[in-house]
Every structure is written in C-alpha cells, then in structure tokens.
Amino acid sequence: MDQDWRDLFLPHILTRGKKYWEEGKVNFYLVHGNRVAASIHGTQDYQVELDLPEGRVEDMKCTCPYAVRGNCKHMAAALYAVEAEGIYLTAEDHTPEQTDNPWEEAIRNLPEAV
C-alpha cells in the first residue's frame, strides 16, 4: 500500500488485529473497486468495511463498539488480510473482474463447497 496503515492504530490494537488475522478469523465477502467488506470472527462476528482508493486507507468502519472511539482490532485484522491477499489494488486493476452488481461479485468470491 502507498501508506503505512499501521500508523493508524495503537500498538496493542495492532497486535490484537494481527493475531486475529494469523488465526484465520478474516473472511472477505465483497471486493468491489476500492471497497472491501469482511467479516471478522471473534467472540462475536463483526463487519468491517474499508475504502482503499489508490492503495491508501481513506475510510474504515466496523460494527464493534470500540470502533465508535477509534480504529479497532477488527479493522487491523482486515488490513493485514488485505495486504497479505494483495486485494488493495486500484479500481483500474479490478476492472476486468467487476460487474455492475456488487452481489454478483460477492457470489463469485464465495468459497467452493467442500
């Protein structure tokens, strides 16, 4: 990414987010243009939305109570996963795979049944 997104988090929050990511608790359910949505599994499931234009964090939202006060471990976990998966590309990079319907994109990104 163009910026060091880690600077957006307190050190202990970053550590907790990294642990969530390492434990495989991040599941992406929508990647559309510069928008990424993920479900983070912990004591509860929380939904994270990221806006990543041009490889930088422009906006982050999470459904957890901590996110009202600041950037949370769920956001950090999602960003670790985004970085690891390389899905923080610009909208231009995603153009061939995009559709006009974000639900079609989400369905295409679902894992295959086992």
PDB file of N, CA and C in Angstrom:
ATOM      1  N   MET A   1       0.843  -1.180   0.000  1.00  0.00           N
ATOM      2  CA  MET A   1       0.000   0.000   0.000  1.00  0.00           C
ATOM      3  C   MET A   1       0.882   1.235   0.000  1.00  0.00           C
ATOM      4  N   ASP A   2       0.311   2.340  -0.423  1.00  0.00           N
ATOM      5  CA  ASP A   2       1.076   3.579  -0.525  1.00  0.00           C
ATOM      6  C   ASP A   2       1.438   4.163   0.837  1.00  0.00           C
ATOM      7  N   GLN A   3       0.678   3.898   1.845  1.00  0.00           N
ATOM      8  CA  GLN A   3       0.932   4.453   3.168  1.00  0.00           C
ATOM      9  C   GLN A   3       1.187   3.299   4.133  1.00  0.00           C
ATOM     10  N   ASP A   4       1.776   3.587   5.259  1.00  0.00           N
ATOM     11  CA  ASP A   4       1.905   2.554   6.275  1.00  0.00           C
ATOM     12  C   ASP A   4       0.661   2.637   7.153  1.00  0.00           C
ATOM     13  N   TRP A   5      -0.330   1.822   6.838  1.00  0.00           N
ATOM     14  CA  TRP A   5      -1.607   1.855   7.538  1.00  0.00           C
ATOM     15  C   TRP A   5      -1.449   1.504   9.022  1.00  0.00           C
ATOM     16  N   ARG A   6      -0.356   0.874   9.380  1.00  0.00           N
ATOM     17  CA  ARG A   6      -0.133   0.503  10.776  1.00  0.00           C
ATOM     18  C   ARG A   6      -0.055   1.730  11.685  1.00  0.00           C
ATOM     19  N   ASP A   7       0.330   2.866  11.113  1.00  0.00           N
ATOM     20  CA  ASP A   7       0.405   4.106  11.884  1.00  0.00           C
ATOM     21  C   ASP A   7      -0.974   4.590  12.350  1.00  0.00           C
ATOM     22  N   LEU A   8      -2.031   4.021  11.814  1.00  0.00           N
ATOM     23  CA  LEU A   8      -3.389   4.423  12.161  1.00  0.00           C
ATOM     24  C   LEU A   8      -3.901   3.749  13.436  1.00  0.00           C
ATOM     25  N   PHE A   9      -3.088   2.840  14.002  1.00  0.00           N
ATOM     26  CA  PHE A   9      -3.534   2.035  15.139  1.00  0.00           C
ATOM     27  C   PHE A   9      -2.598   2.183  16.336  1.00  0.00           C
ATOM     28  N   LEU A  10      -3.174   2.071  17.525  1.00  0.00           N
ATOM     29  CA  LEU A  10      -2.365   1.973  18.739  1.00  0.00           C
ATOM     30  C   LEU A  10      -1.650   0.621  18.715  1.00  0.00           C
ATOM     31  N   PRO A  11      -0.440   0.532  19.271  1.00  0.00           N
ATOM     32  CA  PRO A  11       0.330  -0.715  19.188  1.00  0.00           C
ATOM     33  C   PRO A  11      -0.405  -1.961  19.697  1.00  0.00           C
ATOM     34  N   HIS A  12      -1.101  -1.857  20.822  1.00  0.00           N
ATOM     35  CA  HIS A  12      -1.787  -3.044  21.354  1.00  0.00           C
ATOM     36  C   HIS A  12      -2.972  -3.463  20.477  1.00  0.00           C
ATOM     37  N   ILE A  13      -3.617  -2.515  19.829  1.00  0.00           N
ATOM     38  CA  ILE A  13      -4.723  -2.822  18.908  1.00  0.00           C
ATOM     39  C   ILE A  13      -4.163  -3.519  17.669  1.00  0.00           C
ATOM     40  N   LEU A  14      -3.050  -3.025  17.185  1.00  0.00           N
ATOM     41  CA  LEU A  14      -2.391  -3.632  16.023  1.00  0.00           C
ATOM     42  C   LEU A  14      -1.989  -5.078  16.318  1.00  0.00           C
ATOM     43  N   THR A  15      -1.456  -5.317  17.502  1.00  0.00           N
ATOM     44  CA  THR A  15      -1.054  -6.669  17.897  1.00  0.00           C
ATOM     45  C   THR A  15      -2.254  -7.615  17.935  1.00  0.00           C
ATOM     46  N   ARG A  16      -3.356  -7.153  18.490  1.00  0.00           N
ATOM     47  CA  ARG A  16      -4.568  -7.984  18.555  1.00  0.00           C
ATOM     48  C   ARG A  16      -5.127  -8.254  17.160  1.00  0.00           C
ATOM     49  N   GLY A  17      -5.112  -7.237  16.308  1.00  0.00           N
ATOM     50  CA  GLY A  17      -5.589  -7.418  14.940  1.00  0.00           C
ATOM     51  C   GLY A  17      -4.743  -8.415  14.165  1.00  0.00           C
ATOM     52  N   LYS A  18      -3.441  -8.338  14.349  1.00  0.00           N
ATOM     53  CA  LYS A  18      -2.548  -9.272  13.666  1.00  0.00           C
ATOM     54  C   LYS A  18      -2.827 -10.704  14.115  1.00  0.00           C
ATOM     55  N   LYS A  19      -3.088 -10.870  15.398  1.00  0.00           N
ATOM     56  CA  LYS A  19      -3.389 -12.208  15.923  1.00  0.00           C
ATOM     57  C   LYS A  19      -4.682 -12.742  15.299  1.00  0.00           C
ATOM     58  N   TYR A  20      -5.703 -11.917  15.178  1.00  0.00           N
ATOM     59  CA  TYR A  20      -6.955 -12.340  14.534  1.00  0.00           C
ATOM     60  C   TYR A  20      -6.678 -12.788  13.102  1.00  0.00           C
ATOM     61  N   TRP A  21      -5.887 -12.012  12.389  1.00  0.00           N
ATOM     62  CA  TRP A  21      -5.563 -12.361  11.001  1.00  0.00           C
ATOM     63  C   TRP A  21      -4.788 -13.682  10.945  1.00  0.00           C
ATOM     64  N   GLU A  22      -3.781 -13.823  11.788  1.00  0.00           N
ATOM     65  CA  GLU A  22      -2.972 -15.041  11.798  1.00  0.00           C
ATOM     66  C   GLU A  22      -3.802 -16.277  12.133  1.00  0.00           C
ATOM     67  N   GLU A  23      -4.837 -16.104  12.941  1.00  0.00           N
ATOM     68  CA  GLU A  23      -5.704 -17.216  13.323  1.00  0.00           C
ATOM     69  C   GLU A  23      -6.785 -17.497  12.274  1.00  0.00           C
ATOM     70  N   GLY A  24      -6.760 -16.767  11.166  1.00  0.00           N
ATOM     71  CA  GLY A  24      -7.708 -17.012  10.078  1.00  0.00           C
ATOM     72  C   GLY A  24      -9.120 -16.550  10.361  1.00  0.00           C
ATOM     73  N   LYS A  25      -9.270 -15.500  11.136  1.00  0.00           N
ATOM     74  CA  LYS A  25     -10.596 -15.027  11.517  1.00  0.00           C
ATOM     75  C   LYS A  25     -11.180 -13.992  10.560  1.00  0.00           C
ATOM     76  N   VAL A  26     -10.494 -13.732   9.456  1.00  0.00           N
ATOM     77  CA  VAL A  26     -10.956 -12.733   8.491  1.00  0.00           C
ATOM     78  C   VAL A  26     -11.527 -13.447   7.271  1.00  0.00           C
ATOM     79  N   ASN A  27     -12.780 -13.128   6.947  1.00  0.00           N
ATOM     80  CA  ASN A  27     -13.411 -13.676   5.749  1.00  0.00           C
ATOM     81  C   ASN A  27     -13.938 -12.528   4.900  1.00  0.00           C
ATOM     82  N   PHE A  28     -13.403 -12.405   3.690  1.00  0.00           N
ATOM     83  CA  PHE A  28     -13.878 -11.372   2.773  1.00  0.00           C
ATOM     84  C   PHE A  28     -15.183 -11.828   2.150  1.00  0.00           C
ATOM     85  N   TYR A  29     -16.129 -10.913   2.040  1.00  0.00           N
ATOM     86  CA  TYR A  29     -17.357 -11.270   1.341  1.00  0.00           C
ATOM     87  C   TYR A  29     -17.697 -10.304   0.218  1.00  0.00           C
ATOM     88  N   LEU A  30     -16.934  -9.234   0.085  1.00  0.00           N
ATOM     89  CA  LEU A  30     -17.166  -8.336  -1.035  1.00  0.00           C
ATOM     90  C   LEU A  30     -15.905  -7.546  -1.328  1.00  0.00           C
ATOM     91  N   VAL A  31     -15.468  -7.610  -2.562  1.00  0.00           N
ATOM     92  CA  VAL A  31     -14.377  -6.770  -3.042  1.00  0.00           C
ATOM     93  C   VAL A  31     -14.907  -6.150  -4.321  1.00  0.00           C
ATOM     94  N   HIS A  32     -15.131  -4.854  -4.293  1.00  0.00           N
ATOM     95  CA  HIS A  32     -15.722  -4.165  -5.443  1.00  0.00           C
ATOM     96  C   HIS A  32     -15.026  -2.824  -5.608  1.00  0.00           C
ATOM     97  N   GLY A  33     -14.235  -2.713  -6.656  1.00  0.00           N
ATOM     98  CA  GLY A  33     -13.479  -1.489  -6.863  1.00  0.00           C
ATOM     99  C   GLY A  33     -12.518  -1.281  -5.712  1.00  0.00           C
ATOM    100  N   ASN A  34     -12.614  -0.143  -5.069  1.00  0.00           N
ATOM    101  CA  ASN A  34     -11.749   0.180  -3.931  1.00  0.00           C
ATOM    102  C   ASN A  34     -12.382  -0.185  -2.593  1.00  0.00           C
ATOM    103  N   ARG A  35     -13.557  -0.784  -2.607  1.00  0.00           N
ATOM    104  CA  ARG A  35     -14.274  -1.127  -1.383  1.00  0.00           C
ATOM    105  C   ARG A  35     -14.051  -2.592  -1.038  1.00  0.00           C
ATOM    106  N   VAL A  36     -13.774  -2.839   0.224  1.00  0.00           N
ATOM    107  CA  VAL A  36     -13.581  -4.192   0.724  1.00  0.00           C
ATOM    108  C   VAL A  36     -14.472  -4.359   1.943  1.00  0.00           C
ATOM    109  N   ALA A  37     -15.189  -5.471   2.004  1.00  0.00           N
ATOM    110  CA  ALA A  37     -16.004  -5.780   3.172  1.00  0.00           C
ATOM    111  C   ALA A  37     -15.602  -7.162   3.669  1.00  0.00           C
ATOM    112  N   ALA A  38     -15.511  -7.279   4.986  1.00  0.00           N
ATOM    113  CA  ALA A  38     -15.095  -8.545   5.582  1.00  0.00           C
ATOM    114  C   ALA A  38     -15.852  -8.785   6.870  1.00  0.00           C
ATOM    115  N   SER A  39     -15.942 -10.061   7.214  1.00  0.00           N
ATOM    116  CA  SER A  39     -16.497 -10.466   8.495  1.00  0.00           C
ATOM    117  C   SER A  39     -15.327 -10.968   9.333  1.00  0.00           C
ATOM    118  N   ILE A  40     -15.232 -10.473  10.548  1.00  0.00           N
ATOM    119  CA  ILE A  40     -14.160 -10.865  11.449  1.00  0.00           C
ATOM    120  C   ILE A  40     -14.776 -11.690  12.577  1.00  0.00           C
ATOM    121  N   HIS A  41     -14.303 -12.919  12.734  1.00  0.00           N
ATOM    122  CA  HIS A  41     -14.864 -13.825  13.732  1.00  0.00           C
ATOM    123  C   HIS A  41     -14.073 -13.740  15.025  1.00  0.00           C
ATOM    124  N   GLY A  42     -14.755 -13.387  16.084  1.00  0.00           N
ATOM    125  CA  GLY A  42     -14.149 -13.335  17.413  1.00  0.00           C
ATOM    126  C   GLY A  42     -15.172 -13.832  18.410  1.00  0.00           C
ATOM    127  N   THR A  43     -15.310 -13.137  19.529  1.00  0.00           N
ATOM    128  CA  THR A  43     -16.359 -13.505  20.471  1.00  0.00           C
ATOM    129  C   THR A  43     -17.724 -13.307  19.828  1.00  0.00           C
ATOM    130  N   GLN A  44     -17.791 -12.373  18.896  1.00  0.00           N
ATOM    131  CA  GLN A  44     -18.949 -12.148  18.023  1.00  0.00           C
ATOM    132  C   GLN A  44     -18.402 -11.922  16.621  1.00  0.00           C
ATOM    133  N   ASP A  45     -19.271 -11.973  15.620  1.00  0.00           N
ATOM    134  CA  ASP A  45     -18.865 -11.629  14.269  1.00  0.00           C
ATOM    135  C   ASP A  45     -19.106 -10.140  14.061  1.00  0.00           C
ATOM    136  N   TYR A  46     -18.061  -9.443  13.596  1.00  0.00           N
ATOM    137  CA  TYR A  46     -18.180  -8.021  13.312  1.00  0.00           C
ATOM    138  C   TYR A  46     -17.900  -7.786  11.841  1.00  0.00           C
ATOM    139  N   GLN A  47     -18.578  -6.798  11.280  1.00  0.00           N
ATOM    140  CA  GLN A  47     -18.435  -6.463   9.866  1.00  0.00           C
ATOM    141  C   GLN A  47     -17.538  -5.238   9.726  1.00  0.00           C
ATOM    142  N   VAL A  48     -16.560  -5.367   8.835  1.00  0.00           N
ATOM    143  CA  VAL A  48     -15.626  -4.274   8.581  1.00  0.00           C
ATOM    144  C   VAL A  48     -15.761  -3.859   7.123  1.00  0.00           C
ATOM    145  N   GLU A  49     -15.793  -2.562   6.894  1.00  0.00           N
ATOM    146  CA  GLU A  49     -15.783  -2.010   5.542  1.00  0.00           C
ATOM    147  C   GLU A  49     -14.576  -1.094   5.414  1.00  0.00           C
ATOM    148  N   LEU A  50     -13.850  -1.263   4.320  1.00  0.00           N
ATOM    149  CA  LEU A  50     -12.664  -0.456   4.051  1.00  0.00           C
ATOM    150  C   LEU A  50     -12.823   0.241   2.713  1.00  0.00           C
ATOM    151  N   ASP A  51     -12.390   1.471   2.644  1.00  0.00           N
ATOM    152  CA  ASP A  51     -12.330   2.215   1.391  1.00  0.00           C
ATOM    153  C   ASP A  51     -10.854   2.479   1.131  1.00  0.00           C
ATOM    154  N   LEU A  52     -10.324   1.885   0.058  1.00  0.00           N
ATOM    155  CA  LEU A  52      -8.881   1.906  -0.201  1.00  0.00           C
ATOM    156  C   LEU A  52      -8.534   2.459  -1.581  1.00  0.00           C
ATOM    157  N   PRO A  53      -8.883   3.697  -1.877  1.00  0.00           N
ATOM    158  CA  PRO A  53      -8.541   4.241  -3.193  1.00  0.00           C
ATOM    159  C   PRO A  53      -7.032   4.439  -3.341  1.00  0.00           C
ATOM    160  N   GLU A  54      -6.541   4.083  -4.492  1.00  0.00           N
ATOM    161  CA  GLU A  54      -5.124   4.275  -4.815  1.00  0.00           C
ATOM    162  C   GLU A  54      -4.182   3.666  -3.777  1.00  0.00           C
ATOM    163  N   GLY A  55      -4.597   2.570  -3.142  1.00  0.00           N
ATOM    164  CA  GLY A  55      -3.727   1.878  -2.213  1.00  0.00           C
ATOM    165  C   GLY A  55      -3.525   2.568  -0.869  1.00  0.00           C
ATOM    166  N   ARG A  56      -4.428   3.467  -0.496  1.00  0.00           N
ATOM    167  CA  ARG A  56      -4.323   4.113   0.808  1.00  0.00           C
ATOM    168  C   ARG A  56      -5.663   4.002   1.525  1.00  0.00           C
ATOM    169  N   VAL A  57      -5.609   4.013   2.836  1.00  0.00           N
ATOM    170  CA  VAL A  57      -6.827   3.917   3.640  1.00  0.00           C
ATOM    171  C   VAL A  57      -7.502   5.277   3.677  1.00  0.00           C
ATOM    172  N   GLU A  58      -8.698   5.345   3.109  1.00  0.00           N
ATOM    173  CA  GLU A  58      -9.444   6.599   3.148  1.00  0.00           C
ATOM    174  C   GLU A  58     -10.523   6.561   4.222  1.00  0.00           C
ATOM    175  N   ASP A  59     -11.134   5.391   4.400  1.00  0.00           N
ATOM    176  CA  ASP A  59     -12.214   5.280   5.385  1.00  0.00           C
ATOM    177  C   ASP A  59     -12.289   3.834   5.868  1.00  0.00           C
ATOM    178  N   MET A  60     -12.639   3.662   7.147  1.00  0.00           N
ATOM    179  CA  MET A  60     -12.819   2.341   7.742  1.00  0.00           C
ATOM    180  C   MET A  60     -14.020   2.395   8.667  1.00  0.00           C
ATOM    181  N   LYS A  61     -14.803   1.316   8.657  1.00  0.00           N
ATOM    182  CA  LYS A  61     -15.943   1.198   9.561  1.00  0.00           C
ATOM    183  C   LYS A  61     -15.974  -0.216  10.114  1.00  0.00           C
ATOM    184  N   CYS A  62     -16.424  -0.337  11.350  1.00  0.00           N
ATOM    185  CA  CYS A  62     -16.605  -1.646  11.971  1.00  0.00           C
ATOM    186  C   CYS A  62     -17.854  -1.587  12.839  1.00  0.00           C
ATOM    187  N   THR A  63     -18.527  -2.719  12.961  1.00  0.00           N
ATOM    188  CA  THR A  63     -19.748  -2.775  13.749  1.00  0.00           C
ATOM    189  C   THR A  63     -19.495  -3.004  15.243  1.00  0.00           C
ATOM    190  N   CYS A  64     -18.230  -3.124  15.655  1.00  0.00           N
ATOM    191  CA  CYS A  64     -17.948  -3.352  17.080  1.00  0.00           C
ATOM    192  C   CYS A  64     -18.077  -2.048  17.875  1.00  0.00           C
ATOM    193  N   PRO A  65     -18.325  -2.153  19.175  1.00  0.00           N
ATOM    194  CA  PRO A  65     -18.486  -0.948  19.998  1.00  0.00           C
ATOM    195  C   PRO A  65     -17.219  -0.095  20.091  1.00  0.00           C
ATOM    196  N   TYR A  66     -16.042  -0.714  20.051  1.00  0.00           N
ATOM    197  CA  TYR A  66     -14.791   0.041  20.178  1.00  0.00           C
ATOM    198  C   TYR A  66     -14.597   1.015  19.015  1.00  0.00           C
ATOM    199  N   ALA A  67     -15.099   0.653  17.841  1.00  0.00           N
ATOM    200  CA  ALA A  67     -14.884   1.461  16.637  1.00  0.00           C
ATOM    201  C   ALA A  67     -15.516   2.848  16.736  1.00  0.00           C
ATOM    202  N   VAL A  68     -16.425   3.031  17.664  1.00  0.00           N
ATOM    203  CA  VAL A  68     -17.019   4.357  17.864  1.00  0.00           C
ATOM    204  C   VAL A  68     -15.966   5.332  18.374  1.00  0.00           C
ATOM    205  N   ARG A  69     -15.000   4.813  19.158  1.00  0.00           N
ATOM    206  CA  ARG A  69     -13.960   5.659  19.757  1.00  0.00           C
ATOM    207  C   ARG A  69     -12.695   5.741  18.925  1.00  0.00           C
ATOM    208  N   GLY A  70     -12.434   4.740  18.102  1.00  0.00           N
ATOM    209  CA  GLY A  70     -11.193   4.739  17.338  1.00  0.00           C
ATOM    210  C   GLY A  70     -11.072   3.507  16.458  1.00  0.00           C
ATOM    211  N   ASN A  71      -9.925   3.369  15.848  1.00  0.00           N
ATOM    212  CA  ASN A  71      -9.681   2.230  14.973  1.00  0.00           C
ATOM    213  C   ASN A  71      -9.506   0.966  15.821  1.00  0.00           C
ATOM    214  N   CYS A  72     -10.177  -0.113  15.435  1.00  0.00           N
ATOM    215  CA  CYS A  72     -10.237  -1.316  16.257  1.00  0.00           C
ATOM    216  C   CYS A  72      -9.404  -2.462  15.689  1.00  0.00           C
ATOM    217  N   LYS A  73      -9.293  -3.525  16.489  1.00  0.00           N
ATOM    218  CA  LYS A  73      -8.523  -4.705  16.087  1.00  0.00           C
ATOM    219  C   LYS A  73      -9.139  -5.404  14.876  1.00  0.00           C
ATOM    220  N   HIS A  74     -10.448  -5.278  14.682  1.00  0.00           N
ATOM    221  CA  HIS A  74     -11.097  -5.907  13.535  1.00  0.00           C
ATOM    222  C   HIS A  74     -10.677  -5.211  12.238  1.00  0.00           C
ATOM    223  N   MET A  75     -10.578  -3.894  12.289  1.00  0.00           N
ATOM    224  CA  MET A  75     -10.082  -3.134  11.135  1.00  0.00           C
ATOM    225  C   MET A  75      -8.643  -3.525  10.828  1.00  0.00           C
ATOM    226  N   ALA A  76      -7.820  -3.624  11.876  1.00  0.00           N
ATOM    227  CA  ALA A  76      -6.418  -4.009  11.689  1.00  0.00           C
ATOM    228  C   ALA A  76      -6.322  -5.408  11.087  1.00  0.00           C
ATOM    229  N   ALA A  77      -7.133  -6.349  11.586  1.00  0.00           N
ATOM    230  CA  ALA A  77      -7.126  -7.711  11.061  1.00  0.00           C
ATOM    231  C   ALA A  77      -7.478  -7.717   9.576  1.00  0.00           C
ATOM    232  N   ALA A  78      -8.498  -6.937   9.212  1.00  0.00           N
ATOM    233  CA  ALA A  78      -8.902  -6.866   7.806  1.00  0.00           C
ATOM    234  C   ALA A  78      -7.778  -6.283   6.950  1.00  0.00           C
ATOM    235  N   LEU A  79      -7.095  -5.273   7.445  1.00  0.00           N
ATOM    236  CA  LEU A  79      -5.997  -4.670   6.681  1.00  0.00           C
ATOM    237  C   LEU A  79      -4.807  -5.614   6.553  1.00  0.00           C
ATOM    238  N   TYR A  80      -4.509  -6.385   7.591  1.00  0.00           N
ATOM    239  CA  TYR A  80      -3.464  -7.406   7.459  1.00  0.00           C
ATOM    240  C   TYR A  80      -3.837  -8.399   6.360  1.00  0.00           C
ATOM    241  N   ALA A  81      -5.093  -8.816   6.340  1.00  0.00           N
ATOM    242  CA  ALA A  81      -5.548  -9.771   5.330  1.00  0.00           C
ATOM    243  C   ALA A  81      -5.525  -9.158   3.930  1.00  0.00           C
ATOM    244  N   VAL A  82      -5.961  -7.911   3.817  1.00  0.00           N
ATOM    245  CA  VAL A  82      -5.940  -7.213   2.529  1.00  0.00           C
ATOM    246  C   VAL A  82      -4.514  -7.164   1.993  1.00  0.00           C
ATOM    247  N   GLU A  83      -3.589  -6.803   2.856  1.00  0.00           N
ATOM    248  CA  GLU A  83      -2.188  -6.721   2.451  1.00  0.00           C
ATOM    249  C   GLU A  83      -1.654  -8.097   2.034  1.00  0.00           C
ATOM    250  N   ALA A  84      -1.963  -9.112   2.819  1.00  0.00           N
ATOM    251  CA  ALA A  84      -1.475 -10.464   2.525  1.00  0.00           C
ATOM    252  C   ALA A  84      -2.055 -11.012   1.230  1.00  0.00           C
ATOM    253  N   GLU A  85      -3.330 -10.695   0.975  1.00  0.00           N
ATOM    254  CA  GLU A  85      -4.006 -11.191  -0.226  1.00  0.00           C
ATOM    255  C   GLU A  85      -3.740 -10.326  -1.447  1.00  0.00           C
ATOM    256  N   GLY A  86      -3.212  -9.132  -1.234  1.00  0.00           N
ATOM    257  CA  GLY A  86      -2.942  -8.235  -2.356  1.00  0.00           C
ATOM    258  C   GLY A  86      -4.197  -7.719  -3.026  1.00  0.00           C
ATOM    259  N   ILE A  87      -5.273  -7.517  -2.255  1.00  0.00           N
ATOM    260  CA  ILE A  87      -6.524  -7.075  -2.860  1.00  0.00           C
ATOM    261  C   ILE A  87      -6.767  -5.580  -2.707  1.00  0.00           C
ATOM    262  N   TYR A  88      -5.746  -4.841  -2.292  1.00  0.00           N
ATOM    263  CA  TYR A  88      -5.909  -3.400  -2.151  1.00  0.00           C
ATOM    264  C   TYR A  88      -5.546  -2.680  -3.445  1.00  0.00           C
ATOM    265  N   LEU A  89      -5.783  -3.316  -4.549  1.00  0.00           N
ATOM    266  CA  LEU A  89      -5.466  -2.737  -5.848  1.00  0.00           C
ATOM    267  C   LEU A  89      -6.394  -1.571  -6.152  1.00  0.00           C
ATOM    268  N   THR A  90      -6.003  -0.770  -7.098  1.00  0.00           N
ATOM    269  CA  THR A  90      -6.859   0.342  -7.502  1.00  0.00           C
ATOM    270  C   THR A  90      -8.038  -0.201  -8.289  1.00  0.00           C
ATOM    271  N   ALA A  91      -9.063   0.615  -8.442  1.00  0.00           N
ATOM    272  CA  ALA A  91     -10.246   0.208  -9.212  1.00  0.00           C
ATOM    273  C   ALA A  91      -9.846  -0.185 -10.628  1.00  0.00           C
ATOM    274  N   GLU A  92      -8.869   0.486 -11.179  1.00  0.00           N
ATOM    275  CA  GLU A  92      -8.384   0.181 -12.525  1.00  0.00           C
ATOM    276  C   GLU A  92      -7.878  -1.261 -12.607  1.00  0.00           C
ATOM    277  N   ASP A  93      -7.195  -1.714 -11.547  1.00  0.00           N
ATOM    278  CA  ASP A  93      -6.692  -3.077 -11.516  1.00  0.00           C
ATOM    279  C   ASP A  93      -7.806  -4.110 -11.435  1.00  0.00           C
ATOM    280  N   HIS A  94      -8.956  -3.749 -10.863  1.00  0.00           N
ATOM    281  CA  HIS A  94     -10.062  -4.687 -10.686  1.00  0.00           C
ATOM    282  C   HIS A  94     -11.045  -4.674 -11.846  1.00  0.00           C
ATOM    283  N   THR A  95     -10.930  -3.750 -12.767  1.00  0.00           N
ATOM    284  CA  THR A  95     -11.933  -3.556 -13.795  1.00  0.00           C
ATOM    285  C   THR A  95     -12.358  -4.823 -14.524  1.00  0.00           C
ATOM    286  N   PRO A  96     -11.470  -5.705 -14.977  1.00  0.00           N
ATOM    287  CA  PRO A  96     -11.924  -6.875 -15.720  1.00  0.00           C
ATOM    288  C   PRO A  96     -12.827  -7.807 -14.914  1.00  0.00           C
ATOM    289  N   GLU A  97     -12.704  -7.816 -13.593  1.00  0.00           N
ATOM    290  CA  GLU A  97     -13.475  -8.739 -12.779  1.00  0.00           C
ATOM    291  C   GLU A  97     -14.748  -8.120 -12.217  1.00  0.00           C
ATOM    292  N   GLN A  98     -14.905  -6.816 -12.346  1.00  0.00           N
ATOM    293  CA  GLN A  98     -16.050  -6.153 -11.749  1.00  0.00           C
ATOM    294  C   GLN A  98     -17.311  -6.383 -12.576  1.00  0.00           C
ATOM    295  N   THR A  99     -18.438  -6.268 -11.880  1.00  0.00           N
ATOM    296  CA  THR A  99     -19.729  -6.260 -12.542  1.00  0.00           C
ATOM    297  C   THR A  99     -20.453  -5.016 -12.057  1.00  0.00           C
ATOM    298  N   ASP A 100     -21.574  -4.721 -12.682  1.00  0.00           N
ATOM    299  CA  ASP A 100     -22.379  -3.593 -12.215  1.00  0.00           C
ATOM    300  C   ASP A 100     -23.117  -3.937 -10.936  1.00  0.00           C
ATOM    301  N   ASN A 101     -23.209  -5.228 -10.643  1.00  0.00           N
ATOM    302  CA  ASN A 101     -23.933  -5.679  -9.476  1.00  0.00           C
ATOM    303  C   ASN A 101     -22.952  -6.207  -8.428  1.00  0.00           C
ATOM    304  N   PRO A 102     -22.766  -5.503  -7.303  1.00  0.00           N
ATOM    305  CA  PRO A 102     -21.801  -5.970  -6.298  1.00  0.00           C
ATOM    306  C   PRO A 102     -22.169  -7.330  -5.712  1.00  0.00           C
ATOM    307  N   TRP A 103     -23.446  -7.703  -5.733  1.00  0.00           N
ATOM    308  CA  TRP A 103     -23.839  -9.023  -5.213  1.00  0.00           C
ATOM    309  C   TRP A 103     -23.283 -10.137  -6.088  1.00  0.00           C
ATOM    310  N   GLU A 104     -23.246  -9.913  -7.404  1.00  0.00           N
ATOM    311  CA  GLU A 104     -22.644 -10.908  -8.290  1.00  0.00           C
ATOM    312  C   GLU A 104     -21.170 -11.086  -7.950  1.00  0.00           C
ATOM    313  N   GLU A 105     -20.498  -9.999  -7.668  1.00  0.00           N
ATOM    314  CA  GLU A 105     -19.083 -10.051  -7.272  1.00  0.00           C
ATOM    315  C   GLU A 105     -18.922 -10.838  -5.972  1.00  0.00           C
ATOM    316  N   ALA A 106     -19.802 -10.584  -5.002  1.00  0.00           N
ATOM    317  CA  ALA A 106     -19.732 -11.292  -3.727  1.00  0.00           C
ATOM    318  C   ALA A 106     -19.961 -12.786  -3.917  1.00  0.00           C
ATOM    319  N   ILE A 107     -20.911 -13.137  -4.748  1.00  0.00           N
ATOM    320  CA  ILE A 107     -21.190 -14.553  -5.008  1.00  0.00           C
ATOM    321  C   ILE A 107     -19.997 -15.214  -5.680  1.00  0.00           C
ATOM    322  N   ARG A 108     -19.371 -14.524  -6.618  1.00  0.00           N
ATOM    323  CA  ARG A 108     -18.194 -15.077  -7.298  1.00  0.00           C
ATOM    324  C   ARG A 108     -17.045 -15.308  -6.322  1.00  0.00           C
ATOM    325  N   ASN A 109     -16.979 -14.506  -5.262  1.00  0.00           N
ATOM    326  CA  ASN A 109     -15.889 -14.615  -4.297  1.00  0.00           C
ATOM    327  C   ASN A 109     -16.143 -15.620  -3.182  1.00  0.00           C
ATOM    328  N   LEU A 110     -17.329 -16.243  -3.175  1.00  0.00           N
ATOM    329  CA  LEU A 110     -17.619 -17.235  -2.144  1.00  0.00           C
ATOM    330  C   LEU A 110     -16.737 -18.460  -2.349  1.00  0.00           C
ATOM    331  N   PRO A 111     -16.303 -19.105  -1.264  1.00  0.00           N
ATOM    332  CA  PRO A 111     -15.501 -20.317  -1.414  1.00  0.00           C
ATOM    333  C   PRO A 111     -16.345 -21.449  -1.978  1.00  0.00           C
ATOM    334  N   GLU A 112     -15.658 -22.362  -2.659  1.00  0.00           N
ATOM    335  CA  GLU A 112     -16.369 -23.521  -3.199  1.00  0.00           C
ATOM    336  C   GLU A 112     -16.777 -24.432  -2.053  1.00  0.00           C
ATOM    337  N   ALA A 113     -17.904 -25.143  -2.251  1.00  0.00           N
ATOM    338  CA  ALA A 113     -18.378 -26.080  -1.231  1.00  0.00           C
ATOM    339  C   ALA A 113     -17.395 -27.224  -1.090  1.00  0.00           C
ATOM    340  N   VAL A 114     -17.251 -27.702   0.124  1.00  0.00           N
ATOM    341  CA  VAL A 114     -16.334 -28.821   0.373  1.00  0.00           C
ATOM    342  C   VAL A 114     -17.082 -30.120   0.501  1.00  0.00           C
TER     343      VAL A 114
END
